[in-house]
Amino acid sequence: MIIEVKEQELKKQKRALDKLHESYEEEMITKQVFLERKAVRSRQIQKLEEELKDLRKVVVDEGNYPTVEQIVKRIGQFRKLWSEAVSSEEKKRALKKLVERIVYNREGHQVELTVCYR
């Protein structure tokens, strides 16, 4: 939804820049006014394009996350494998079905733990 709003704003800014060119060509505004307004519009267009790029990246990144249903299913598989496991190696394999990696970030006496699910 935010992307759509930003895209509409970008189209609006580009149309305004086109109209600005027309006004200058028809000598409705001076060259100085044209250059000042063009600079403002160009900065706004560039800012919107960067925001859209960042928003699209976030959407792609979020698309790579598993859904709640997928996580629940994997937890069920893990529990079944874990309860049936006899050796520690079987338990490790069961855990790897659920967790892709665990990242430890140590700063002094504090440890931050991030679990990345499959």
PDB file of N, CA and C in Angstrom:
ATOM      1  N   MET A   1       0.826  -1.183   0.000  1.00  0.00           N
ATOM      2  CA  MET A   1       0.000   0.000   0.000  1.00  0.00           C
ATOM      3  C   MET A   1       0.879   1.259   0.000  1.00  0.00           C
ATOM      4  N   ILE A   2       1.902   1.263   0.841  1.00  0.00           N
ATOM      5  CA  ILE A   2       2.807   2.406   0.898  1.00  0.00           C
ATOM      6  C   ILE A   2       3.530   2.571  -0.433  1.00  0.00           C
ATOM      7  N   ILE A   3       3.878   1.447  -1.040  1.00  0.00           N
ATOM      8  CA  ILE A   3       4.561   1.504  -2.335  1.00  0.00           C
ATOM      9  C   ILE A   3       3.667   2.162  -3.372  1.00  0.00           C
ATOM     10  N   GLU A   4       2.390   1.814  -3.388  1.00  0.00           N
ATOM     11  CA  GLU A   4       1.452   2.412  -4.343  1.00  0.00           C
ATOM     12  C   GLU A   4       1.355   3.920  -4.160  1.00  0.00           C
ATOM     13  N   VAL A   5       1.293   4.357  -2.912  1.00  0.00           N
ATOM     14  CA  VAL A   5       1.207   5.791  -2.620  1.00  0.00           C
ATOM     15  C   VAL A   5       2.471   6.498  -3.114  1.00  0.00           C
ATOM     16  N   LYS A   6       3.624   5.895  -2.841  1.00  0.00           N
ATOM     17  CA  LYS A   6       4.898   6.490  -3.281  1.00  0.00           C
ATOM     18  C   LYS A   6       4.986   6.518  -4.804  1.00  0.00           C
ATOM     19  N   GLU A   7       4.502   5.456  -5.468  1.00  0.00           N
ATOM     20  CA  GLU A   7       4.516   5.427  -6.928  1.00  0.00           C
ATOM     21  C   GLU A   7       3.630   6.522  -7.509  1.00  0.00           C
ATOM     22  N   GLN A   8       2.468   6.727  -6.898  1.00  0.00           N
ATOM     23  CA  GLN A   8       1.568   7.798  -7.354  1.00  0.00           C
ATOM     24  C   GLN A   8       2.222   9.166  -7.168  1.00  0.00           C
ATOM     25  N   GLU A   9       2.867   9.357  -6.048  1.00  0.00           N
ATOM     26  CA  GLU A   9       3.555  10.628  -5.781  1.00  0.00           C
ATOM     27  C   GLU A   9       4.685  10.839  -6.786  1.00  0.00           C
ATOM     28  N   LEU A  10       5.389   9.762  -7.128  1.00  0.00           N
ATOM     29  CA  LEU A  10       6.472   9.853  -8.115  1.00  0.00           C
ATOM     30  C   LEU A  10       5.922  10.252  -9.481  1.00  0.00           C
ATOM     31  N   LYS A  11       4.809   9.645  -9.886  1.00  0.00           N
ATOM     32  CA  LYS A  11       4.178  10.009 -11.158  1.00  0.00           C
ATOM     33  C   LYS A  11       3.756  11.473 -11.145  1.00  0.00           C
ATOM     34  N   LYS A  12       3.214  11.898 -10.030  1.00  0.00           N
ATOM     35  CA  LYS A  12       2.770  13.293  -9.889  1.00  0.00           C
ATOM     36  C   LYS A  12       3.960  14.247 -10.034  1.00  0.00           C
ATOM     37  N   GLN A  13       5.060  13.918  -9.406  1.00  0.00           N
ATOM     38  CA  GLN A  13       6.248  14.771  -9.478  1.00  0.00           C
ATOM     39  C   GLN A  13       6.819  14.805 -10.905  1.00  0.00           C
ATOM     40  N   LYS A  14       6.791  13.667 -11.592  1.00  0.00           N
ATOM     41  CA  LYS A  14       7.289  13.630 -12.968  1.00  0.00           C
ATOM     42  C   LYS A  14       6.392  14.431 -13.908  1.00  0.00           C
ATOM     43  N   ARG A  15       5.065  14.352 -13.689  1.00  0.00           N
ATOM     44  CA  ARG A  15       4.148  15.168 -14.489  1.00  0.00           C
ATOM     45  C   ARG A  15       4.380  16.653 -14.240  1.00  0.00           C
ATOM     46  N   ALA A  16       4.612  17.008 -12.977  1.00  0.00           N
ATOM     47  CA  ALA A  16       4.875  18.406 -12.633  1.00  0.00           C
ATOM     48  C   ALA A  16       6.165  18.889 -13.293  1.00  0.00           C
ATOM     49  N   LEU A  17       7.162  18.016 -13.369  1.00  0.00           N
ATOM     50  CA  LEU A  17       8.410  18.378 -14.044  1.00  0.00           C
ATOM     51  C   LEU A  17       8.177  18.584 -15.538  1.00  0.00           C
ATOM     52  N   ASP A  18       7.355  17.724 -16.140  1.00  0.00           N
ATOM     53  CA  ASP A  18       7.010  17.899 -17.559  1.00  0.00           C
ATOM     54  C   ASP A  18       6.295  19.223 -17.791  1.00  0.00           C
ATOM     55  N   LYS A  19       5.358  19.553 -16.914  1.00  0.00           N
ATOM     56  CA  LYS A  19       4.621  20.819 -17.038  1.00  0.00           C
ATOM     57  C   LYS A  19       5.554  22.005 -16.850  1.00  0.00           C
ATOM     58  N   LEU A  20       6.529  21.832 -15.991  1.00  0.00           N
ATOM     59  CA  LEU A  20       7.515  22.886 -15.769  1.00  0.00           C
ATOM     60  C   LEU A  20       8.308  23.146 -17.048  1.00  0.00           C
ATOM     61  N   HIS A  21       8.698  22.073 -17.718  1.00  0.00           N
ATOM     62  CA  HIS A  21       9.401  22.203 -19.003  1.00  0.00           C
ATOM     63  C   HIS A  21       8.522  22.938 -20.020  1.00  0.00           C
ATOM     64  N   GLU A  22       7.264  22.562 -20.076  1.00  0.00           N
ATOM     65  CA  GLU A  22       6.342  23.210 -21.009  1.00  0.00           C
ATOM     66  C   GLU A  22       6.193  24.698 -20.703  1.00  0.00           C
ATOM     67  N   SER A  23       6.079  25.026 -19.433  1.00  0.00           N
ATOM     68  CA  SER A  23       5.946  26.435 -19.046  1.00  0.00           C
ATOM     69  C   SER A  23       7.173  27.234 -19.468  1.00  0.00           C
ATOM     70  N   TYR A  24       8.336  26.640 -19.325  1.00  0.00           N
ATOM     71  CA  TYR A  24       9.564  27.327 -19.730  1.00  0.00           C
ATOM     72  C   TYR A  24       9.616  27.477 -21.250  1.00  0.00           C
ATOM     73  N   GLU A  25       9.261  26.403 -21.960  1.00  0.00           N
ATOM     74  CA  GLU A  25       9.287  26.456 -23.427  1.00  0.00           C
ATOM     75  C   GLU A  25       8.293  27.477 -23.972  1.00  0.00           C
ATOM     76  N   GLU A  26       7.190  27.638 -23.293  1.00  0.00           N
ATOM     77  CA  GLU A  26       6.174  28.600 -23.730  1.00  0.00           C
ATOM     78  C   GLU A  26       6.438  29.996 -23.162  1.00  0.00           C
ATOM     79  N   GLU A  27       7.602  30.142 -22.530  1.00  0.00           N
ATOM     80  CA  GLU A  27       8.054  31.411 -21.967  1.00  0.00           C
ATOM     81  C   GLU A  27       7.080  31.977 -20.925  1.00  0.00           C
ATOM     82  N   MET A  28       6.452  31.084 -20.192  1.00  0.00           N
ATOM     83  CA  MET A  28       5.562  31.502 -19.105  1.00  0.00           C
ATOM     84  C   MET A  28       6.359  31.781 -17.837  1.00  0.00           C
ATOM     85  N   ILE A  29       7.537  31.172 -17.722  1.00  0.00           N
ATOM     86  CA  ILE A  29       8.423  31.405 -16.580  1.00  0.00           C
ATOM     87  C   ILE A  29       9.829  31.690 -17.092  1.00  0.00           C
ATOM     88  N   THR A  30      10.617  32.344 -16.264  1.00  0.00           N
ATOM     89  CA  THR A  30      11.986  32.683 -16.662  1.00  0.00           C
ATOM     90  C   THR A  30      12.896  31.474 -16.494  1.00  0.00           C
ATOM     91  N   LYS A  31      14.070  31.573 -17.072  1.00  0.00           N
ATOM     92  CA  LYS A  31      15.038  30.493 -16.983  1.00  0.00           C
ATOM     93  C   LYS A  31      15.444  30.260 -15.529  1.00  0.00           C
ATOM     94  N   GLN A  32      15.633  31.336 -14.772  1.00  0.00           N
ATOM     95  CA  GLN A  32      16.029  31.233 -13.367  1.00  0.00           C
ATOM     96  C   GLN A  32      14.964  30.486 -12.551  1.00  0.00           C
ATOM     97  N   VAL A  33      13.698  30.858 -12.734  1.00  0.00           N
ATOM     98  CA  VAL A  33      12.598  30.189 -12.023  1.00  0.00           C
ATOM     99  C   VAL A  33      12.545  28.718 -12.436  1.00  0.00           C
ATOM    100  N   PHE A  34      12.694  28.483 -13.729  1.00  0.00           N
ATOM    101  CA  PHE A  34      12.683  27.109 -14.241  1.00  0.00           C
ATOM    102  C   PHE A  34      13.773  26.272 -13.573  1.00  0.00           C
ATOM    103  N   LEU A  35      14.997  26.790 -13.539  1.00  0.00           N
ATOM    104  CA  LEU A  35      16.117  26.031 -12.969  1.00  0.00           C
ATOM    105  C   LEU A  35      15.916  25.763 -11.471  1.00  0.00           C
ATOM    106  N   GLU A  36      15.399  26.749 -10.748  1.00  0.00           N
ATOM    107  CA  GLU A  36      15.158  26.567  -9.315  1.00  0.00           C
ATOM    108  C   GLU A  36      14.099  25.497  -9.071  1.00  0.00           C
ATOM    109  N   ARG A  37      13.000  25.590  -9.807  1.00  0.00           N
ATOM    110  CA  ARG A  37      11.918  24.617  -9.624  1.00  0.00           C
ATOM    111  C   ARG A  37      12.319  23.229 -10.103  1.00  0.00           C
ATOM    112  N   LYS A  38      13.102  23.189 -11.176  1.00  0.00           N
ATOM    113  CA  LYS A  38      13.569  21.904 -11.703  1.00  0.00           C
ATOM    114  C   LYS A  38      14.456  21.212 -10.672  1.00  0.00           C
ATOM    115  N   ALA A  39      15.317  21.958 -10.018  1.00  0.00           N
ATOM    116  CA  ALA A  39      16.201  21.383  -9.003  1.00  0.00           C
ATOM    117  C   ALA A  39      15.388  20.786  -7.857  1.00  0.00           C
ATOM    118  N   VAL A  40      14.359  21.514  -7.431  1.00  0.00           N
ATOM    119  CA  VAL A  40      13.509  21.034  -6.338  1.00  0.00           C
ATOM    120  C   VAL A  40      12.790  19.745  -6.758  1.00  0.00           C
ATOM    121  N   ARG A  41      12.182  19.771  -7.940  1.00  0.00           N
ATOM    122  CA  ARG A  41      11.448  18.580  -8.426  1.00  0.00           C
ATOM    123  C   ARG A  41      12.390  17.396  -8.608  1.00  0.00           C
ATOM    124  N   SER A  42      13.565  17.650  -9.145  1.00  0.00           N
ATOM    125  CA  SER A  42      14.517  16.561  -9.376  1.00  0.00           C
ATOM    126  C   SER A  42      14.939  15.915  -8.061  1.00  0.00           C
ATOM    127  N   ARG A  43      15.169  16.730  -7.041  1.00  0.00           N
ATOM    128  CA  ARG A  43      15.521  16.176  -5.720  1.00  0.00           C
ATOM    129  C   ARG A  43      14.365  15.347  -5.159  1.00  0.00           C
ATOM    130  N   GLN A  44      13.151  15.848  -5.307  1.00  0.00           N
ATOM    131  CA  GLN A  44      11.986  15.105  -4.811  1.00  0.00           C
ATOM    132  C   GLN A  44      11.832  13.779  -5.545  1.00  0.00           C
ATOM    133  N   ILE A  45      12.025  13.799  -6.856  1.00  0.00           N
ATOM    134  CA  ILE A  45      11.922  12.575  -7.653  1.00  0.00           C
ATOM    135  C   ILE A  45      12.995  11.578  -7.225  1.00  0.00           C
ATOM    136  N   GLN A  46      14.210  12.048  -7.046  1.00  0.00           N
ATOM    137  CA  GLN A  46      15.302  11.168  -6.636  1.00  0.00           C
ATOM    138  C   GLN A  46      15.020  10.557  -5.260  1.00  0.00           C
ATOM    139  N   LYS A  47      14.536  11.380  -4.341  1.00  0.00           N
ATOM    140  CA  LYS A  47      14.216  10.895  -2.995  1.00  0.00           C
ATOM    141  C   LYS A  47      13.129   9.821  -3.050  1.00  0.00           C
ATOM    142  N   LEU A  48      12.079  10.062  -3.841  1.00  0.00           N
ATOM    143  CA  LEU A  48      11.001   9.079  -3.964  1.00  0.00           C
ATOM    144  C   LEU A  48      11.493   7.780  -4.590  1.00  0.00           C
ATOM    145  N   GLU A  49      12.353   7.884  -5.599  1.00  0.00           N
ATOM    146  CA  GLU A  49      12.891   6.680  -6.236  1.00  0.00           C
ATOM    147  C   GLU A  49      13.722   5.864  -5.250  1.00  0.00           C
ATOM    148  N   GLU A  50      14.505   6.544  -4.402  1.00  0.00           N
ATOM    149  CA  GLU A  50      15.298   5.838  -3.392  1.00  0.00           C
ATOM    150  C   GLU A  50      14.392   5.179  -2.352  1.00  0.00           C
ATOM    151  N   GLU A  51      13.348   5.890  -1.939  1.00  0.00           N
ATOM    152  CA  GLU A  51      12.406   5.322  -0.967  1.00  0.00           C
ATOM    153  C   GLU A  51      11.722   4.087  -1.548  1.00  0.00           C
ATOM    154  N   LEU A  52      11.317   4.175  -2.813  1.00  0.00           N
ATOM    155  CA  LEU A  52      10.673   3.023  -3.459  1.00  0.00           C
ATOM    156  C   LEU A  52      11.630   1.840  -3.542  1.00  0.00           C
ATOM    157  N   LYS A  53      12.876   2.101  -3.869  1.00  0.00           N
ATOM    158  CA  LYS A  53      13.871   1.035  -3.951  1.00  0.00           C
ATOM    159  C   LYS A  53      14.007   0.346  -2.594  1.00  0.00           C
ATOM    160  N   ASP A  54      14.094   1.145  -1.521  1.00  0.00           N
ATOM    161  CA  ASP A  54      14.218   0.582  -0.179  1.00  0.00           C
ATOM    162  C   ASP A  54      12.969  -0.205   0.216  1.00  0.00           C
ATOM    163  N   LEU A  55      11.794   0.334  -0.096  1.00  0.00           N
ATOM    164  CA  LEU A  55      10.539  -0.353   0.240  1.00  0.00           C
ATOM    165  C   LEU A  55      10.422  -1.678  -0.505  1.00  0.00           C
ATOM    166  N   ARG A  56      10.807  -1.674  -1.768  1.00  0.00           N
ATOM    167  CA  ARG A  56      10.737  -2.923  -2.547  1.00  0.00           C
ATOM    168  C   ARG A  56      11.690  -3.960  -1.989  1.00  0.00           C
ATOM    169  N   LYS A  57      12.846  -3.515  -1.511  1.00  0.00           N
ATOM    170  CA  LYS A  57      13.805  -4.445  -0.921  1.00  0.00           C
ATOM    171  C   LYS A  57      13.217  -5.069   0.341  1.00  0.00           C
ATOM    172  N   VAL A  58      12.546  -4.267   1.147  1.00  0.00           N
ATOM    173  CA  VAL A  58      11.920  -4.772   2.368  1.00  0.00           C
ATOM    174  C   VAL A  58      10.863  -5.812   2.029  1.00  0.00           C
ATOM    175  N   VAL A  59      10.065  -5.535   0.999  1.00  0.00           N
ATOM    176  CA  VAL A  59       9.006  -6.471   0.595  1.00  0.00           C
ATOM    177  C   VAL A  59       9.619  -7.792   0.148  1.00  0.00           C
ATOM    178  N   VAL A  60      10.707  -7.741  -0.608  1.00  0.00           N
ATOM    179  CA  VAL A  60      11.370  -8.961  -1.062  1.00  0.00           C
ATOM    180  C   VAL A  60      11.930  -9.720   0.132  1.00  0.00           C
ATOM    181  N   ASP A  61      12.572  -8.999   1.059  1.00  0.00           N
ATOM    182  CA  ASP A  61      13.125  -9.651   2.247  1.00  0.00           C
ATOM    183  C   ASP A  61      12.039 -10.317   3.071  1.00  0.00           C
ATOM    184  N   GLU A  62      10.899  -9.637   3.240  1.00  0.00           N
ATOM    185  CA  GLU A  62       9.804 -10.206   4.016  1.00  0.00           C
ATOM    186  C   GLU A  62       9.221 -11.434   3.337  1.00  0.00           C
ATOM    187  N   GLY A  63       9.290 -11.466   2.016  1.00  0.00           N
ATOM    188  CA  GLY A  63       8.775 -12.617   1.282  1.00  0.00           C
ATOM    189  C   GLY A  63       9.585 -13.874   1.535  1.00  0.00           C
ATOM    190  N   ASN A  64      10.811 -13.716   2.015  1.00  0.00           N
ATOM    191  CA  ASN A  64      11.672 -14.864   2.284  1.00  0.00           C
ATOM    192  C   ASN A  64      11.438 -15.464   3.669  1.00  0.00           C
ATOM    193  N   TYR A  65      10.682 -14.782   4.523  1.00  0.00           N
ATOM    194  CA  TYR A  65      10.404 -15.294   5.858  1.00  0.00           C
ATOM    195  C   TYR A  65       9.341 -16.378   5.788  1.00  0.00           C
ATOM    196  N   PRO A  66       9.486 -17.421   6.628  1.00  0.00           N
ATOM    197  CA  PRO A  66       8.437 -18.444   6.646  1.00  0.00           C
ATOM    198  C   PRO A  66       7.168 -17.898   7.298  1.00  0.00           C
ATOM    199  N   THR A  67       6.049 -18.433   6.894  1.00  0.00           N
ATOM    200  CA  THR A  67       4.774 -18.018   7.490  1.00  0.00           C
ATOM    201  C   THR A  67       4.619 -18.687   8.851  1.00  0.00           C
ATOM    202  N   VAL A  68       3.672 -18.218   9.622  1.00  0.00           N
ATOM    203  CA  VAL A  68       3.403 -18.804  10.940  1.00  0.00           C
ATOM    204  C   VAL A  68       3.009 -20.269  10.780  1.00  0.00           C
ATOM    205  N   GLU A  69       2.203 -20.555   9.757  1.00  0.00           N
ATOM    206  CA  GLU A  69       1.787 -21.934   9.523  1.00  0.00           C
ATOM    207  C   GLU A  69       2.985 -22.840   9.227  1.00  0.00           C
ATOM    208  N   GLN A  70       3.935 -22.321   8.442  1.00  0.00           N
ATOM    209  CA  GLN A  70       5.123 -23.109   8.129  1.00  0.00           C
ATOM    210  C   GLN A  70       5.952 -23.369   9.387  1.00  0.00           C
ATOM    211  N   ILE A  71       6.062 -22.361  10.231  1.00  0.00           N
ATOM    212  CA  ILE A  71       6.827 -22.520  11.473  1.00  0.00           C
ATOM    213  C   ILE A  71       6.150 -23.534  12.387  1.00  0.00           C
ATOM    214  N   VAL A  72       4.831 -23.452  12.513  1.00  0.00           N
ATOM    215  CA  VAL A  72       4.087 -24.399  13.354  1.00  0.00           C
ATOM    216  C   VAL A  72       4.270 -25.819  12.836  1.00  0.00           C
ATOM    217  N   LYS A  73       4.208 -25.988  11.522  1.00  0.00           N
ATOM    218  CA  LYS A  73       4.391 -27.313  10.923  1.00  0.00           C
ATOM    219  C   LYS A  73       5.798 -27.845  11.225  1.00  0.00           C
ATOM    220  N   ARG A  74       6.792 -26.980  11.081  1.00  0.00           N
ATOM    221  CA  ARG A  74       8.176 -27.400  11.342  1.00  0.00           C
ATOM    222  C   ARG A  74       8.396 -27.747  12.813  1.00  0.00           C
ATOM    223  N   ILE A  75       7.753 -26.981  13.691  1.00  0.00           N
ATOM    224  CA  ILE A  75       7.870 -27.281  15.121  1.00  0.00           C
ATOM    225  C   ILE A  75       7.261 -28.651  15.411  1.00  0.00           C
ATOM    226  N   GLY A  76       6.137 -28.945  14.785  1.00  0.00           N
ATOM    227  CA  GLY A  76       5.528 -30.270  14.949  1.00  0.00           C
ATOM    228  C   GLY A  76       6.440 -31.378  14.463  1.00  0.00           C
ATOM    229  N   GLN A  77       7.082 -31.169  13.312  1.00  0.00           N
ATOM    230  CA  GLN A  77       8.028 -32.155  12.792  1.00  0.00           C
ATOM    231  C   GLN A  77       9.206 -32.326  13.746  1.00  0.00           C
ATOM    232  N   PHE A  78       9.690 -31.176  14.256  1.00  0.00           N
ATOM    233  CA  PHE A  78      10.815 -31.213  15.191  1.00  0.00           C
ATOM    234  C   PHE A  78      10.461 -32.012  16.440  1.00  0.00           C
ATOM    235  N   ARG A  79       9.307 -31.731  17.011  1.00  0.00           N
ATOM    236  CA  ARG A  79       8.902 -32.425  18.246  1.00  0.00           C
ATOM    237  C   ARG A  79       8.823 -33.932  18.028  1.00  0.00           C
ATOM    238  N   LYS A  80       8.270 -34.311  16.885  1.00  0.00           N
ATOM    239  CA  LYS A  80       8.153 -35.741  16.579  1.00  0.00           C
ATOM    240  C   LYS A  80       9.536 -36.380  16.456  1.00  0.00           C
ATOM    241  N   LEU A  81      10.420 -35.738  15.673  1.00  0.00           N
ATOM    242  CA  LEU A  81      11.768 -36.282  15.494  1.00  0.00           C
ATOM    243  C   LEU A  81      12.547 -36.290  16.806  1.00  0.00           C
ATOM    244  N   TRP A  82      12.392 -35.226  17.593  1.00  0.00           N
ATOM    245  CA  TRP A  82      13.116 -35.121  18.861  1.00  0.00           C
ATOM    246  C   TRP A  82      12.680 -36.226  19.832  1.00  0.00           C
ATOM    247  N   SER A  83      11.379 -36.464  19.892  1.00  0.00           N
ATOM    248  CA  SER A  83      10.880 -37.486  20.829  1.00  0.00           C
ATOM    249  C   SER A  83      11.289 -38.892  20.407  1.00  0.00           C
ATOM    250  N   GLU A  84      11.489 -39.088  19.104  1.00  0.00           N
ATOM    251  CA  GLU A  84      11.890 -40.406  18.604  1.00  0.00           C
ATOM    252  C   GLU A  84      13.405 -40.583  18.598  1.00  0.00           C
ATOM    253  N   ALA A  85      14.156 -39.475  18.754  1.00  0.00           N
ATOM    254  CA  ALA A  85      15.620 -39.533  18.659  1.00  0.00           C
ATOM    255  C   ALA A  85      16.205 -40.300  19.832  1.00  0.00           C
ATOM    256  N   VAL A  86      17.209 -41.111  19.497  1.00  0.00           N
ATOM    257  CA  VAL A  86      17.892 -41.889  20.522  1.00  0.00           C
ATOM    258  C   VAL A  86      19.261 -41.268  20.805  1.00  0.00           C
ATOM    259  N   SER A  87      19.958 -40.895  19.760  1.00  0.00           N
ATOM    260  CA  SER A  87      21.307 -40.355  19.937  1.00  0.00           C
ATOM    261  C   SER A  87      21.303 -38.827  19.828  1.00  0.00           C
ATOM    262  N   SER A  88      22.396 -38.235  20.284  1.00  0.00           N
ATOM    263  CA  SER A  88      22.515 -36.779  20.180  1.00  0.00           C
ATOM    264  C   SER A  88      22.613 -36.348  18.711  1.00  0.00           C
ATOM    265  N   GLU A  89      23.149 -37.194  17.863  1.00  0.00           N
ATOM    266  CA  GLU A  89      23.244 -36.889  16.428  1.00  0.00           C
ATOM    267  C   GLU A  89      21.847 -36.802  15.810  1.00  0.00           C
ATOM    268  N   GLU A  90      20.960 -37.681  16.190  1.00  0.00           N
ATOM    269  CA  GLU A  90      19.579 -37.633  15.697  1.00  0.00           C
ATOM    270  C   GLU A  90      18.872 -36.371  16.196  1.00  0.00           C
ATOM    271  N   LYS A  91      19.165 -35.969  17.433  1.00  0.00           N
ATOM    272  CA  LYS A  91      18.571 -34.744  17.974  1.00  0.00           C
ATOM    273  C   LYS A  91      19.079 -33.509  17.218  1.00  0.00           C
ATOM    274  N   LYS A  92      20.365 -33.502  16.859  1.00  0.00           N
ATOM    275  CA  LYS A  92      20.926 -32.394  16.083  1.00  0.00           C
ATOM    276  C   LYS A  92      20.242 -32.302  14.717  1.00  0.00           C
ATOM    277  N   ARG A  93      20.033 -33.464  14.080  1.00  0.00           N
ATOM    278  CA  ARG A  93      19.350 -33.471  12.778  1.00  0.00           C
ATOM    279  C   ARG A  93      17.927 -32.956  12.901  1.00  0.00           C
ATOM    280  N   ALA A  94      17.261 -33.318  13.989  1.00  0.00           N
ATOM    281  CA  ALA A  94      15.895 -32.828  14.225  1.00  0.00           C
ATOM    282  C   ALA A  94      15.896 -31.312  14.386  1.00  0.00           C
ATOM    283  N   LEU A  95      16.850 -30.806  15.129  1.00  0.00           N
ATOM    284  CA  LEU A  95      16.949 -29.359  15.348  1.00  0.00           C
ATOM    285  C   LEU A  95      17.239 -28.629  14.036  1.00  0.00           C
ATOM    286  N   LYS A  96      18.043 -29.210  13.176  1.00  0.00           N
ATOM    287  CA  LYS A  96      18.372 -28.580  11.895  1.00  0.00           C
ATOM    288  C   LYS A  96      17.172 -28.511  10.950  1.00  0.00           C
ATOM    289  N   LYS A  97      16.165 -29.336  11.189  1.00  0.00           N
ATOM    290  CA  LYS A  97      14.925 -29.242  10.398  1.00  0.00           C
ATOM    291  C   LYS A  97      14.161 -27.963  10.732  1.00  0.00           C
ATOM    292  N   LEU A  98      14.353 -27.467  11.955  1.00  0.00           N
ATOM    293  CA  LEU A  98      13.625 -26.304  12.435  1.00  0.00           C
ATOM    294  C   LEU A  98      14.435 -25.016  12.307  1.00  0.00           C
ATOM    295  N   VAL A  99      15.718 -25.079  12.670  1.00  0.00           N
ATOM    296  CA  VAL A  99      16.555 -23.883  12.753  1.00  0.00           C
ATOM    297  C   VAL A  99      17.622 -23.920  11.672  1.00  0.00           C
ATOM    298  N   GLU A 100      17.724 -22.816  10.928  1.00  0.00           N
ATOM    299  CA  GLU A 100      18.764 -22.719   9.896  1.00  0.00           C
ATOM    300  C   GLU A 100      20.111 -22.415  10.536  1.00  0.00           C
ATOM    301  N   ARG A 101      20.126 -21.383  11.413  1.00  0.00           N
ATOM    302  CA  ARG A 101      21.361 -21.039  12.110  1.00  0.00           C
ATOM    303  C   ARG A 101      21.035 -20.223  13.357  1.00  0.00           C
ATOM    304  N   ILE A 102      21.977 -20.225  14.281  1.00  0.00           N
ATOM    305  CA  ILE A 102      21.872 -19.425  15.495  1.00  0.00           C
ATOM    306  C   ILE A 102      23.074 -18.484  15.502  1.00  0.00           C
ATOM    307  N   VAL A 103      22.792 -17.205  15.686  1.00  0.00           N
ATOM    308  CA  VAL A 103      23.851 -16.200  15.668  1.00  0.00           C
ATOM    309  C   VAL A 103      24.009 -15.640  17.076  1.00  0.00           C
ATOM    310  N   TYR A 104      25.245 -15.700  17.579  1.00  0.00           N
ATOM    311  CA  TYR A 104      25.558 -15.149  18.889  1.00  0.00           C
ATOM    312  C   TYR A 104      26.299 -13.829  18.698  1.00  0.00           C
ATOM    313  N   ASN A 105      25.850 -12.787  19.384  1.00  0.00           N
ATOM    314  CA  ASN A 105      26.528 -11.499  19.348  1.00  0.00           C
ATOM    315  C   ASN A 105      26.903 -11.161  20.787  1.00  0.00           C
ATOM    316  N   ARG A 106      28.196 -11.239  21.084  1.00  0.00           N
ATOM    317  CA  ARG A 106      28.662 -10.998  22.448  1.00  0.00           C
ATOM    318  C   ARG A 106      29.284  -9.611  22.550  1.00  0.00           C
ATOM    319  N   GLU A 107      28.809  -8.878  23.538  1.00  0.00           N
ATOM    320  CA  GLU A 107      29.398  -7.581  23.861  1.00  0.00           C
ATOM    321  C   GLU A 107      29.579  -7.526  25.366  1.00  0.00           C
ATOM    322  N   GLY A 108      30.810  -7.674  25.786  1.00  0.00           N
ATOM    323  CA  GLY A 108      31.070  -7.691  27.225  1.00  0.00           C
ATOM    324  C   GLY A 108      30.426  -8.903  27.856  1.00  0.00           C
ATOM    325  N   HIS A 109      29.595  -8.646  28.875  1.00  0.00           N
ATOM    326  CA  HIS A 109      28.918  -9.736  29.574  1.00  0.00           C
ATOM    327  C   HIS A 109      27.546 -10.050  28.991  1.00  0.00           C
ATOM    328  N   GLN A 110      27.140  -9.282  27.980  1.00  0.00           N
ATOM    329  CA  GLN A 110      25.822  -9.512  27.388  1.00  0.00           C
ATOM    330  C   GLN A 110      25.953 -10.349  26.110  1.00  0.00           C
ATOM    331  N   VAL A 111      25.011 -11.255  25.941  1.00  0.00           N
ATOM    332  CA  VAL A 111      24.971 -12.100  24.759  1.00  0.00           C
ATOM    333  C   VAL A 111      23.607 -11.918  24.100  1.00  0.00           C
ATOM    334  N   GLU A 112      23.644 -11.566  22.822  1.00  0.00           N
ATOM    335  CA  GLU A 112      22.403 -11.457  22.042  1.00  0.00           C
ATOM    336  C   GLU A 112      22.312 -12.674  21.148  1.00  0.00           C
ATOM    337  N   LEU A 113      21.189 -13.349  21.196  1.00  0.00           N
ATOM    338  CA  LEU A 113      20.984 -14.575  20.446  1.00  0.00           C
ATOM    339  C   LEU A 113      19.920 -14.351  19.388  1.00  0.00           C
ATOM    340  N   THR A 114      20.248 -14.671  18.130  1.00  0.00           N
ATOM    341  CA  THR A 114      19.272 -14.556  17.035  1.00  0.00           C
ATOM    342  C   THR A 114      19.106 -15.936  16.408  1.00  0.00           C
ATOM    343  N   VAL A 115      17.868 -16.386  16.342  1.00  0.00           N
ATOM    344  CA  VAL A 115      17.571 -17.684  15.742  1.00  0.00           C
ATOM    345  C   VAL A 115      16.957 -17.449  14.379  1.00  0.00           C
ATOM    346  N   CYS A 116      17.578 -18.051  13.364  1.00  0.00           N
ATOM    347  CA  CYS A 116      17.068 -17.938  11.989  1.00  0.00           C
ATOM    348  C   CYS A 116      16.405 -19.259  11.629  1.00  0.00           C
ATOM    349  N   TYR A 117      15.083 -19.215  11.445  1.00  0.00           N
ATOM    350  CA  TYR A 117      14.328 -20.420  11.136  1.00  0.00           C
ATOM    351  C   TYR A 117      14.411 -20.765   9.665  1.00  0.00           C
ATOM    352  N   ARG A 118      14.210 -22.012   9.370  1.00  0.00           N
ATOM    353  CA  ARG A 118      14.181 -22.470   7.976  1.00  0.00           C
ATOM    354  C   ARG A 118      12.853 -22.131   7.364  1.00  0.00           C
TER     355      ARG A 118
END
